[in-house]
Amino acid sequence: MAMLPEVKKHYGRLKLLIGGEWVESKSDIINETTNPATGEVIAEFPTATQEEARAAVQAAADAFDTLKNIPLRERARMLFDMRQIYDREADTLSRVLSQDHGRTYKEAAGSVRRCIENIESACAAAYGLVSRNEHLDNLANGIDMWLTWEPLGPFLIVTPGNIPMHAWSSFVPYALASGCPVVVSPSRQDPVAAEYMSKVALEAGFPAGAINLIHGGRDVNSFILEQPEIEGIGFIGSTSAGLDLFAQCGKLGKTSSLNGNGKNTVLIMPDADLDACPGYVRQGCFGMTGQRCLGSDNVVIIGDQKRYDEVKQALVANASAMKLGYGLDESVTMGPYATPGGRDKVIAWVEKGLGEGAKMVLDGRTMLPADYPDGYFMGPTLLEDADIDMEICKEEAFGAVAALIRAESLEQVIGWINSKTDLGHSACIMTASGVNARKFAREVNVGNVGINVGVPQPYAFFPLGSKRKSFLGAAKSRMASMRLFLDERTVTARWV
C-alpha cells in the first residue's frame, strides 16, 4: 500500500477569518501545532485578542440581515453547491485531517464523508423549513393565524480536538440553512483542519461574515459568548467545560447545545457471534485511537470460563494485528494520539487500573512503531479482572483501551450502565437474541444504543441522542440543531 503525500509540509502561520477576509492576527501569543505521527511542527497559530474576537462577532452580526434575507431557494442552492465542493475536496481534507489529528487516512475519509452527509442533511432541512410553517385560515370569525420559524441570530460554534471537521459539520451547515451566521472557535489541537473546513465552505458563495473563524480558547470563547449579538452556542468537548458554558448561558439567558464526555459499555452475550465480535470491539474501543465520545472502554462478558477465554483470545488476536504508524501510510490501521498529553492521560488510566487490581492482557505501551520515535503513539491495550466499582470502570479513558469485566446477567449489566456513571452517550450489545436486544435497547439510560455494531454513530439526519451529563442544552446536534438556530413567531390577523 502507498504512502499518501502530505498536502503541505508546513502550513505557515494561520490567519483569522473575519468578515470574509483572512487577516493576520496582531496577537503576541503564537502557538505551534504538530503532526502527531512525527512530532514535527506543521503550522503556527495565534491566540486571538479580544479586539479580534469582537470584530468577528460584529462581522457575524452585520451579516445576519443579509443572510436571513437571502431567499430560501437561493440559500438552499448554496448548500447544494457546498456539498459538491466538499465532495470534490474530500481527498485533500482527509489528508489534512490525518496529518493534523493523527487518525488513519481511512478514518479521515470516513469522517469527511460524515461531514458531507451533514451538508446533505442541512440541504433537506432548508426545504424542510417550509413544512414547519403553519397557517390556520378563519380560526375565529374573520381571524387568521399563522406560525413561522425565523433565525435567531449569530452563534458561537466551539469544536473539539478529536473530531474537528465532523463537529464543524454538525452545526455550521444547519446554522447557514437557518440563516444564522457563525463565529467558529476550533480546538487548539488541530487548527489546520478547521482552517481548511472554512476555506472550502467559503467557495459556496455565502455572504461575507456568514462564517468567521477565531483561534482562541476558553477565555476567548467566554468573551464571545458574553457579546450581546451572540444568541447561543453549539459545543462539543468535555463535560466540565460544557457545565461552565451551560452556567454562563443560563446567566446570560442564551440557548445552547453542549455535548460532553461519555463512559460507554459494550456487552458481549453468550450467544454473540464470535467471528464478528472482535471486529466490532476493535472499532468501538480502538478505532480513531479511542478518541471519540461514542467509543467504549468497558467490555462486559457474560458466560462461563471457557466462553470468557474464547472471547478474550479472539479480542487479543484481533487487537494485536493492528499496525501503528503515520495515518497517510495506507497499510496503517491505528494512528497516534492527537497530543502527547492525551496519550499520557491514557497511560495514567492504565496504571491506575493496574493499581486497583486489574491485570494486563495486551500492553499497548510497548507497541511503538520504530519509524516514528517522536510520535505520540501507544498501541491497543486490554486489561482483565476489572471490577465495575473500580475508578477506571467509571472514568472515561478517551483512548485505545478496554477493561474486560465479567457479569452474571443482562439485568445486572443494564443496572451498571444506569447507575455506575452519570454519563449517557452510548451502549452496545452483541447478541443473536432479539428478546435480549430489545430489552437492552429499551432499558439502558443512554442516548445512542448499538446492537451488533461497534459504534452506534447516528446518521446525519438523526440527532446525536445523548443523555444525562453527556448532553446539556435546548437542542441536540445535527438535524436537531435546527431547533437551536430557529425560533417561532405567531401572527394573529383580522382583515374583515
Protein backbone atom coordinates (compact mmCIF):
# COMPACT_ATOMS: atom_id res chain seq x y z
CA MET A 1 0.00 0.00 0.00
CA ALA A 2 1.09 3.55 -0.70
CA MET A 3 2.27 6.40 1.48
CA LEU A 4 -0.05 9.25 0.51
CA PRO A 5 1.51 12.71 0.04
CA GLU A 6 1.03 15.46 2.59
CA VAL A 7 -0.94 18.43 1.28
CA LYS A 8 1.83 20.68 2.63
CA LYS A 9 4.82 20.03 4.85
CA HIS A 10 4.23 23.29 6.73
CA TYR A 11 1.11 25.45 6.57
CA GLY A 12 2.73 28.66 7.79
CA ARG A 13 1.13 31.00 10.29
CA LEU A 14 -2.64 30.56 10.25
CA LYS A 15 -4.89 33.61 9.92
CA LEU A 16 -8.26 34.63 11.29
CA LEU A 17 -11.37 34.72 9.12
CA ILE A 18 -13.30 37.91 9.84
CA GLY A 19 -15.98 39.37 7.59
CA GLY A 20 -14.96 37.24 4.62
CA GLU A 21 -11.27 38.21 4.79
CA TRP A 22 -8.30 36.18 6.05
CA VAL A 23 -6.43 38.58 8.33
CA GLU A 24 -3.15 38.41 10.23
CA SER A 25 -3.63 38.45 13.98
CA LYS A 26 -1.97 41.22 15.99
CA SER A 27 -1.68 38.88 18.98
CA ASP A 28 1.73 38.38 20.55
CA ILE A 29 0.66 34.88 21.69
CA ILE A 30 1.70 32.46 18.95
CA ASN A 31 1.25 28.71 19.34
CA GLU A 32 2.51 25.71 17.39
CA THR A 33 0.62 22.64 16.18
CA THR A 34 2.41 19.40 15.36
CA ASN A 35 1.98 16.30 13.26
CA PRO A 36 1.16 13.68 15.95
CA ALA A 37 2.90 10.94 13.97
CA THR A 38 6.25 12.71 13.71
CA GLY A 39 6.16 15.43 16.35
CA GLU A 40 7.16 17.96 13.67
CA VAL A 41 5.65 21.46 13.75
CA ILE A 42 3.29 21.89 10.78
CA ALA A 43 1.78 25.33 11.50
CA GLU A 44 1.70 28.28 13.86
CA PHE A 45 -1.49 29.92 15.01
CA PRO A 46 -2.33 32.93 17.19
CA THR A 47 -4.48 33.22 20.26
CA ALA A 48 -6.84 35.95 19.09
CA THR A 49 -7.08 39.20 21.01
CA GLN A 50 -10.37 40.42 22.47
CA GLU A 51 -10.45 43.13 19.78
CA GLU A 52 -10.20 40.46 17.07
CA ALA A 53 -12.86 38.29 18.72
CA ARG A 54 -15.09 41.36 18.96
CA ALA A 55 -14.50 42.11 15.27
CA ALA A 56 -15.59 38.56 14.36
CA VAL A 57 -18.79 38.94 16.39
CA GLN A 58 -19.52 42.29 14.71
CA ALA A 59 -18.92 40.75 11.28
CA ALA A 60 -21.39 37.96 12.10
CA ALA A 61 -23.92 40.49 13.37
CA ASP A 62 -23.51 42.62 10.24
CA ALA A 63 -24.04 39.54 8.05
CA PHE A 64 -27.24 38.47 9.81
CA ASP A 65 -29.66 40.71 7.89
CA THR A 66 -28.07 39.76 4.57
CA LEU A 67 -28.02 36.03 5.26
CA LYS A 68 -31.55 35.73 6.65
CA ASN A 69 -32.99 37.71 3.76
CA ILE A 70 -31.44 35.52 1.07
CA PRO A 71 -34.44 33.72 -0.47
CA LEU A 72 -34.78 30.17 0.77
CA ARG A 73 -34.32 28.73 -2.72
CA GLU A 74 -31.01 30.62 -3.15
CA ARG A 75 -29.74 29.66 0.32
CA ALA A 76 -30.54 26.01 -0.44
CA ARG A 77 -28.63 26.28 -3.74
CA MET A 78 -25.56 27.49 -1.84
CA LEU A 79 -25.79 24.47 0.44
CA PHE A 80 -26.10 22.11 -2.51
CA ASP A 81 -23.05 23.83 -4.07
CA MET A 82 -21.20 23.46 -0.76
CA ARG A 83 -21.94 19.73 -0.82
CA GLN A 84 -20.40 19.39 -4.28
CA ILE A 85 -17.31 21.40 -3.30
CA TYR A 86 -16.69 19.23 -0.23
CA ASP A 87 -17.10 16.12 -2.34
CA ARG A 88 -14.52 17.50 -4.79
CA GLU A 89 -12.10 18.33 -1.98
CA ALA A 90 -12.68 15.16 0.08
CA ASP A 91 -9.23 13.68 -0.54
CA THR A 92 -7.41 16.91 0.36
CA LEU A 93 -9.49 17.35 3.52
CA SER A 94 -8.84 13.72 4.51
CA ARG A 95 -5.08 14.06 4.14
CA VAL A 96 -5.07 17.34 6.11
CA LEU A 97 -7.13 15.70 8.86
CA SER A 98 -4.79 12.70 9.04
CA GLN A 99 -1.71 14.93 9.20
CA ASP A 100 -3.17 17.39 11.72
CA HIS A 101 -5.08 14.99 14.02
CA GLY A 102 -3.24 11.68 13.57
CA ARG A 103 -6.03 9.28 12.57
CA THR A 104 -5.57 6.92 9.63
CA TYR A 105 -6.46 8.09 6.13
CA LYS A 106 -9.36 5.59 6.01
CA GLU A 107 -10.73 7.00 9.28
CA ALA A 108 -10.23 10.56 8.00
CA ALA A 109 -12.02 9.79 4.75
CA GLY A 110 -14.91 8.34 6.77
CA SER A 111 -15.05 11.50 8.87
CA VAL A 112 -15.12 13.73 5.77
CA ARG A 113 -17.93 11.59 4.38
CA ARG A 114 -19.89 12.18 7.62
CA CYS A 115 -19.35 15.93 7.02
CA ILE A 116 -20.79 15.67 3.51
CA GLU A 117 -23.77 13.75 4.89
CA ASN A 118 -24.36 16.59 7.36
CA ILE A 119 -24.38 19.11 4.49
CA GLU A 120 -26.83 16.89 2.60
CA SER A 121 -28.97 16.75 5.74
CA ALA A 122 -28.82 20.56 6.01
CA CYS A 123 -29.99 20.80 2.37
CA ALA A 124 -33.02 18.74 3.33
CA ALA A 125 -33.53 20.84 6.46
CA ALA A 126 -33.52 24.06 4.44
CA TYR A 127 -36.51 22.95 2.39
CA GLY A 128 -37.99 21.34 5.48
CA LEU A 129 -38.41 24.83 6.90
CA VAL A 130 -41.41 25.33 4.63
CA SER A 131 -43.23 22.39 6.15
CA ARG A 132 -42.60 23.71 9.65
CA ASN A 133 -44.63 26.84 9.00
CA GLU A 134 -48.37 26.60 9.74
CA HIS A 135 -51.37 28.64 8.63
CA LEU A 136 -54.91 28.45 10.02
CA ASP A 137 -57.48 30.22 7.87
CA ASN A 138 -60.54 31.73 9.60
CA LEU A 139 -59.56 30.35 13.01
CA ALA A 140 -62.19 32.61 14.53
CA ASN A 141 -64.70 34.90 12.84
CA GLY A 142 -62.54 36.95 10.44
CA ILE A 143 -59.31 35.92 12.15
CA ASP A 144 -56.43 34.06 10.51
CA MET A 145 -53.36 32.80 12.41
CA TRP A 146 -50.03 31.58 11.25
CA LEU A 147 -46.72 30.43 12.66
CA THR A 148 -43.34 30.95 11.05
CA TRP A 149 -39.86 29.79 12.08
CA GLU A 150 -37.22 32.51 11.93
CA PRO A 151 -33.45 32.58 12.52
CA LEU A 152 -32.32 33.71 15.96
CA GLY A 153 -29.06 35.42 15.01
CA PRO A 154 -25.28 34.86 15.22
CA PHE A 155 -23.97 31.80 17.13
CA LEU A 156 -20.66 30.71 18.61
CA ILE A 157 -19.57 27.22 17.48
CA VAL A 158 -16.79 25.53 19.50
CA THR A 159 -15.29 22.37 18.00
CA PRO A 160 -13.16 19.74 19.81
CA GLY A 161 -9.74 18.26 19.02
CA ASN A 162 -10.93 14.71 18.33
CA ILE A 163 -13.48 15.48 15.56
CA PRO A 164 -12.56 18.96 14.26
CA MET A 165 -14.32 18.54 10.91
CA HIS A 166 -17.27 16.37 11.91
CA ALA A 167 -18.17 18.71 14.80
CA TRP A 168 -17.98 21.71 12.45
CA SER A 169 -20.43 20.00 10.11
CA SER A 170 -22.74 19.06 13.00
CA PHE A 171 -23.63 22.74 13.44
CA VAL A 172 -22.40 25.13 10.72
CA PRO A 173 -24.40 23.86 7.68
CA TYR A 174 -27.59 23.86 9.76
CA ALA A 175 -26.90 27.40 11.02
CA LEU A 176 -26.45 28.58 7.43
CA ALA A 177 -29.60 26.72 6.36
CA SER A 178 -31.45 28.59 9.11
CA GLY A 179 -29.97 31.98 8.18
CA CYS A 180 -27.69 32.28 11.23
CA PRO A 181 -24.05 33.49 10.86
CA VAL A 182 -21.41 31.78 13.00
CA VAL A 183 -18.14 32.51 14.77
CA VAL A 184 -16.22 29.23 14.86
CA SER A 185 -13.65 28.67 17.61
CA PRO A 186 -11.76 25.43 16.87
CA SER A 187 -9.67 23.31 19.21
CA ARG A 188 -6.03 24.23 19.60
CA GLN A 189 -5.11 20.59 18.90
CA ASP A 190 -5.75 20.63 15.14
CA PRO A 191 -6.32 24.18 13.84
CA VAL A 192 -5.20 23.38 10.29
CA ALA A 193 -8.20 21.08 9.81
CA ALA A 194 -10.50 23.88 10.98
CA GLU A 195 -8.96 26.35 8.55
CA TYR A 196 -9.44 24.01 5.60
CA MET A 197 -13.10 23.43 6.50
CA SER A 198 -13.74 27.18 6.37
CA LYS A 199 -11.73 27.70 3.16
CA VAL A 200 -13.75 25.07 1.34
CA ALA A 201 -17.06 26.39 2.71
CA LEU A 202 -16.36 29.95 1.51
CA GLU A 203 -16.40 28.76 -2.11
CA ALA A 204 -20.16 28.16 -1.87
CA GLY A 205 -20.79 31.93 -2.01
CA PHE A 206 -22.32 32.70 1.37
CA PRO A 207 -22.10 36.44 2.19
CA ALA A 208 -19.06 37.90 3.93
CA GLY A 209 -19.35 37.43 7.68
CA ALA A 210 -21.62 34.36 7.47
CA ILE A 211 -18.66 32.19 8.57
CA ASN A 212 -15.96 33.62 10.83
CA LEU A 213 -13.02 31.77 12.39
CA ILE A 214 -11.17 32.76 15.56
CA HIS A 215 -8.33 30.81 17.19
CA GLY A 216 -8.95 31.31 20.86
CA GLY A 217 -9.55 29.02 23.80
CA ARG A 218 -11.76 29.06 26.89
CA ASP A 219 -11.24 32.73 27.76
CA VAL A 220 -11.90 33.90 24.20
CA ASN A 221 -14.95 31.62 23.94
CA SER A 222 -16.34 33.05 27.15
CA PHE A 223 -15.75 36.58 25.88
CA ILE A 224 -17.52 35.87 22.58
CA LEU A 225 -20.49 34.29 24.39
CA GLU A 226 -20.82 37.44 26.52
CA GLN A 227 -21.29 39.66 23.46
CA PRO A 228 -24.92 40.78 23.18
CA GLU A 229 -25.17 39.93 19.46
CA ILE A 230 -24.42 36.22 20.09
CA GLU A 231 -27.65 34.29 20.66
CA GLY A 232 -26.16 30.99 21.84
CA ILE A 233 -23.57 28.27 21.40
CA GLY A 234 -23.07 24.89 19.75
CA PHE A 235 -20.31 22.97 21.52
CA ILE A 236 -18.68 19.52 21.51
CA GLY A 237 -15.98 18.93 24.12
CA SER A 238 -15.61 17.93 27.75
CA THR A 239 -18.47 17.78 30.24
CA SER A 240 -16.58 20.06 32.66
CA ALA A 241 -16.26 22.79 30.02
CA GLY A 242 -19.86 22.17 28.96
CA LEU A 243 -21.11 22.69 32.52
CA ASP A 244 -19.25 26.02 32.70
CA LEU A 245 -20.75 27.16 29.39
CA PHE A 246 -24.21 25.94 30.45
CA ALA A 247 -23.97 28.07 33.60
CA GLN A 248 -22.81 31.05 31.58
CA CYS A 249 -25.66 30.62 29.10
CA GLY A 250 -28.12 30.47 31.99
CA LYS A 251 -26.71 33.65 33.48
CA LEU A 252 -26.83 35.43 30.12
CA GLY A 253 -30.19 33.98 29.04
CA LYS A 254 -28.78 32.31 25.93
CA THR A 255 -29.56 29.00 24.27
CA SER A 256 -27.16 26.09 23.86
CA SER A 257 -26.35 22.62 22.54
CA LEU A 258 -23.48 21.23 24.66
CA ASN A 259 -22.09 17.73 24.11
CA GLY A 260 -19.64 16.30 26.67
CA ASN A 261 -17.84 13.13 27.76
CA GLY A 262 -19.07 9.54 27.76
CA LYS A 263 -18.41 6.35 29.70
CA ASN A 264 -19.66 3.68 27.38
CA THR A 265 -20.08 -0.10 27.59
CA VAL A 266 -20.03 -2.98 25.13
CA LEU A 267 -21.83 -6.11 26.34
CA ILE A 268 -20.95 -9.48 24.77
CA MET A 269 -23.72 -12.02 25.44
CA PRO A 270 -23.12 -15.84 25.46
CA ASP A 271 -24.89 -16.15 22.09
CA ALA A 272 -22.90 -13.39 20.35
CA ASP A 273 -21.20 -14.25 17.05
CA LEU A 274 -17.57 -14.78 18.00
CA ASP A 275 -16.42 -14.29 14.41
CA ALA A 276 -17.93 -10.80 14.23
CA CYS A 277 -17.45 -9.54 17.82
CA PRO A 278 -13.69 -8.88 17.73
CA GLY A 279 -14.08 -6.57 14.74
CA TYR A 280 -16.90 -4.65 16.43
CA VAL A 281 -14.94 -4.30 19.67
CA ARG A 282 -11.85 -3.20 17.76
CA GLN A 283 -13.86 -0.49 16.04
CA GLY A 284 -15.60 0.61 19.23
CA CYS A 285 -12.59 0.55 21.59
CA PHE A 286 -9.55 1.16 19.39
CA GLY A 287 -10.88 2.96 16.29
CA MET A 288 -9.62 6.56 15.96
CA THR A 289 -7.17 5.55 18.70
CA GLY A 290 -10.10 5.51 21.12
CA GLN A 291 -10.54 9.28 20.91
CA ARG A 292 -14.28 9.55 20.30
CA CYS A 293 -17.19 10.17 22.61
CA LEU A 294 -19.25 7.21 21.30
CA GLY A 295 -16.38 4.73 21.70
CA SER A 296 -16.25 2.25 24.59
CA ASP A 297 -13.70 1.17 27.18
CA ASN A 298 -15.82 -1.14 29.37
CA VAL A 299 -16.21 -4.56 27.70
CA VAL A 300 -18.53 -6.80 29.71
CA ILE A 301 -18.61 -10.55 29.00
CA ILE A 302 -21.34 -12.94 30.17
CA GLY A 303 -20.61 -16.68 30.09
CA ASP A 304 -18.64 -19.48 31.73
CA GLN A 305 -14.83 -19.63 31.95
CA LYS A 306 -14.50 -21.46 28.61
CA ARG A 307 -16.59 -18.85 26.84
CA TYR A 308 -14.73 -15.99 28.55
CA ASP A 309 -11.35 -17.38 27.48
CA GLU A 310 -12.55 -17.78 23.88
CA VAL A 311 -13.77 -14.18 23.75
CA LYS A 312 -10.60 -12.84 25.36
CA GLN A 313 -8.30 -14.73 23.00
CA ALA A 314 -10.27 -13.55 19.96
CA LEU A 315 -10.08 -9.91 21.13
CA VAL A 316 -6.33 -10.17 21.79
CA ALA A 317 -5.65 -11.75 18.40
CA ASN A 318 -7.59 -9.05 16.59
CA ALA A 319 -6.08 -6.12 18.51
CA SER A 320 -2.53 -7.49 18.25
CA ALA A 321 -2.79 -7.43 14.47
CA MET A 322 -3.24 -3.65 14.35
CA LYS A 323 -0.37 -1.80 12.66
CA LEU A 324 0.70 1.50 14.20
CA GLY A 325 2.19 4.32 12.15
CA TYR A 326 1.57 7.51 10.21
CA GLY A 327 -2.04 7.65 9.05
CA LEU A 328 -1.09 8.60 5.49
CA ASP A 329 0.50 5.14 5.15
CA GLU A 330 -2.48 3.20 3.82
CA SER A 331 -1.28 -0.03 5.45
CA VAL A 332 -1.53 1.54 8.94
CA THR A 333 -4.63 0.65 10.97
CA MET A 334 -4.01 2.75 14.08
CA GLY A 335 -2.57 6.26 14.26
CA PRO A 336 -1.04 8.19 17.14
CA TYR A 337 -2.83 10.19 19.82
CA ALA A 338 -3.60 13.78 18.87
CA THR A 339 -1.33 15.15 21.60
CA PRO A 340 1.35 13.76 23.93
CA GLY A 341 -0.74 14.98 26.86
CA GLY A 342 -3.72 12.92 25.68
CA ARG A 343 -1.55 9.81 25.38
CA ASP A 344 -0.04 10.35 28.81
CA LYS A 345 -3.51 10.57 30.39
CA VAL A 346 -4.35 7.17 28.88
CA ILE A 347 -1.10 5.72 30.25
CA ALA A 348 -2.06 7.10 33.68
CA TRP A 349 -5.52 5.50 33.32
CA VAL A 350 -3.90 2.10 32.58
CA GLU A 351 -1.54 2.42 35.55
CA LYS A 352 -4.43 3.36 37.81
CA GLY A 353 -6.26 0.21 36.68
CA LEU A 354 -3.25 -1.96 37.44
CA GLY A 355 -3.01 -0.30 40.83
CA GLU A 356 -6.66 -1.11 41.51
CA GLY A 357 -6.07 -4.80 40.80
CA ALA A 358 -6.76 -5.22 37.08
CA LYS A 359 -4.30 -7.42 35.17
CA MET A 360 -2.55 -6.70 31.87
CA VAL A 361 -3.58 -8.83 28.89
CA LEU A 362 -2.20 -6.78 25.98
CA ASP A 363 0.19 -3.93 26.79
CA GLY A 364 -0.01 -1.18 24.17
CA ARG A 365 2.66 0.83 25.97
CA THR A 366 5.27 -1.43 24.37
CA MET A 367 3.77 -1.45 20.84
CA LEU A 368 5.62 1.52 19.31
CA PRO A 369 6.41 1.98 15.59
CA ALA A 370 10.17 2.06 15.06
CA ASP A 371 9.92 4.52 12.15
CA TYR A 372 8.26 7.25 14.24
CA PRO A 373 10.18 7.59 17.52
CA ASP A 374 8.90 11.15 18.12
CA GLY A 375 5.22 10.39 17.50
CA TYR A 376 2.57 10.24 20.22
CA PHE A 377 1.96 6.50 19.95
CA MET A 378 0.58 3.84 22.24
CA GLY A 379 -0.92 0.60 20.99
CA PRO A 380 -4.27 -1.03 21.85
CA THR A 381 -4.37 -2.12 25.48
CA LEU A 382 -6.51 -4.82 27.13
CA LEU A 383 -6.94 -5.24 30.89
CA GLU A 384 -8.87 -8.03 32.64
CA ASP A 385 -10.15 -8.78 36.14
CA ALA A 386 -11.65 -5.29 36.16
CA ASP A 387 -14.48 -4.68 38.63
CA ILE A 388 -17.35 -2.34 37.87
CA ASP A 389 -16.63 -0.39 41.08
CA MET A 390 -13.02 0.37 40.09
CA GLU A 391 -12.39 4.01 39.18
CA ILE A 392 -11.25 3.04 35.67
CA CYS A 393 -14.67 1.47 35.06
CA LYS A 394 -16.36 4.77 35.92
CA GLU A 395 -13.97 7.27 34.29
CA GLU A 396 -13.70 7.77 30.54
CA ALA A 397 -10.23 6.75 29.30
CA PHE A 398 -10.58 8.54 25.93
CA GLY A 399 -8.01 6.20 24.46
CA ALA A 400 -7.50 2.83 22.80
CA VAL A 401 -8.05 0.70 25.88
CA ALA A 402 -10.56 -1.91 27.01
CA ALA A 403 -11.20 -3.22 30.50
CA LEU A 404 -12.70 -6.74 30.47
CA ILE A 405 -15.39 -7.17 33.14
CA ARG A 406 -17.34 -10.37 33.88
CA ALA A 407 -21.06 -10.26 34.70
CA GLU A 408 -23.79 -12.73 35.65
CA SER A 409 -26.81 -11.45 33.73
CA LEU A 410 -28.22 -8.93 31.28
CA GLU A 411 -30.21 -7.29 34.08
CA GLN A 412 -27.03 -6.80 36.11
CA VAL A 413 -25.26 -5.03 33.22
CA ILE A 414 -28.24 -2.78 32.49
CA GLY A 415 -28.20 -1.82 36.16
CA TRP A 416 -24.49 -0.99 35.99
CA ILE A 417 -24.91 1.19 32.89
CA ASN A 418 -27.74 3.08 34.55
CA SER A 419 -26.18 3.55 37.99
CA LYS A 420 -22.36 3.49 37.88
CA THR A 421 -21.95 6.69 35.85
CA ASP A 422 -23.88 9.92 35.32
CA LEU A 423 -22.92 9.98 31.63
CA GLY A 424 -25.10 8.62 28.83
CA HIS A 425 -23.64 8.75 25.34
CA SER A 426 -23.87 5.12 24.20
CA ALA A 427 -24.08 1.41 24.99
CA CYS A 428 -23.78 -1.62 22.69
CA ILE A 429 -24.88 -5.24 22.92
CA MET A 430 -23.60 -8.21 20.89
CA THR A 431 -26.23 -10.93 20.74
CA ALA A 432 -28.22 -13.26 18.48
CA SER A 433 -31.34 -12.80 20.59
CA GLY A 434 -33.95 -10.24 19.57
CA VAL A 435 -35.51 -10.51 23.01
CA ASN A 436 -32.27 -9.57 24.76
CA ALA A 437 -31.50 -6.82 22.26
CA ARG A 438 -34.97 -5.31 22.68
CA LYS A 439 -34.75 -5.35 26.48
CA PHE A 440 -31.29 -3.74 26.34
CA ALA A 441 -32.38 -1.03 23.88
CA ARG A 442 -35.47 -0.18 25.94
CA GLU A 443 -33.88 -0.14 29.40
CA VAL A 444 -30.37 1.34 29.18
CA ASN A 445 -30.37 5.04 30.03
CA VAL A 446 -28.20 6.28 27.16
CA GLY A 447 -28.95 8.27 24.05
CA ASN A 448 -27.37 6.04 21.39
CA VAL A 449 -27.84 2.26 21.51
CA GLY A 450 -25.94 -0.20 19.32
CA ILE A 451 -26.99 -3.76 18.50
CA ASN A 452 -24.24 -5.81 16.85
CA VAL A 453 -22.30 -2.68 15.89
CA GLY A 454 -19.08 -1.28 17.34
CA VAL A 455 -20.02 2.41 17.38
CA PRO A 456 -23.70 3.49 17.37
CA GLN A 457 -23.00 6.59 15.28
CA PRO A 458 -26.32 8.08 14.10
CA TYR A 459 -26.50 9.24 10.51
CA ALA A 460 -26.71 12.98 9.96
CA PHE A 461 -30.49 13.14 9.69
CA PHE A 462 -30.76 11.63 13.19
CA PRO A 463 -29.62 13.63 16.24
CA LEU A 464 -26.73 12.62 18.47
CA GLY A 465 -29.19 11.46 21.11
CA SER A 466 -27.02 11.65 24.21
CA LYS A 467 -28.43 11.75 27.74
CA ARG A 468 -27.59 12.68 31.34
CA LYS A 469 -24.40 14.79 31.70
CA SER A 470 -23.21 13.79 28.24
CA PHE A 471 -25.59 16.45 26.91
CA LEU A 472 -26.80 19.81 28.18
CA GLY A 473 -28.92 22.40 26.45
CA ALA A 474 -32.01 23.13 24.39
CA ALA A 475 -31.44 21.01 21.25
CA LYS A 476 -29.29 18.10 20.13
CA SER A 477 -26.80 18.48 17.26
CA ARG A 478 -27.07 17.74 13.50
CA MET A 479 -30.62 17.84 12.07
CA ALA A 480 -31.97 18.52 15.57
CA SER A 481 -29.86 21.69 15.80
CA MET A 482 -32.42 23.43 13.58
CA ARG A 483 -34.34 23.85 16.84
CA LEU A 484 -31.28 25.64 18.25
CA PHE A 485 -30.98 28.12 15.41
CA LEU A 486 -34.69 28.82 14.80
CA ASP A 487 -37.42 30.42 16.88
CA GLU A 488 -41.20 30.56 16.41
CA ARG A 489 -43.25 33.67 15.60
CA THR A 490 -47.05 33.63 15.57
CA VAL A 491 -49.25 36.21 13.83
CA THR A 492 -52.93 36.77 14.56
CA ALA A 493 -54.68 38.81 11.83
CA ARG A 494 -58.18 40.25 11.28
CA TRP A 495 -58.95 41.79 7.88
CA VAL A 496 -62.76 41.59 7.89
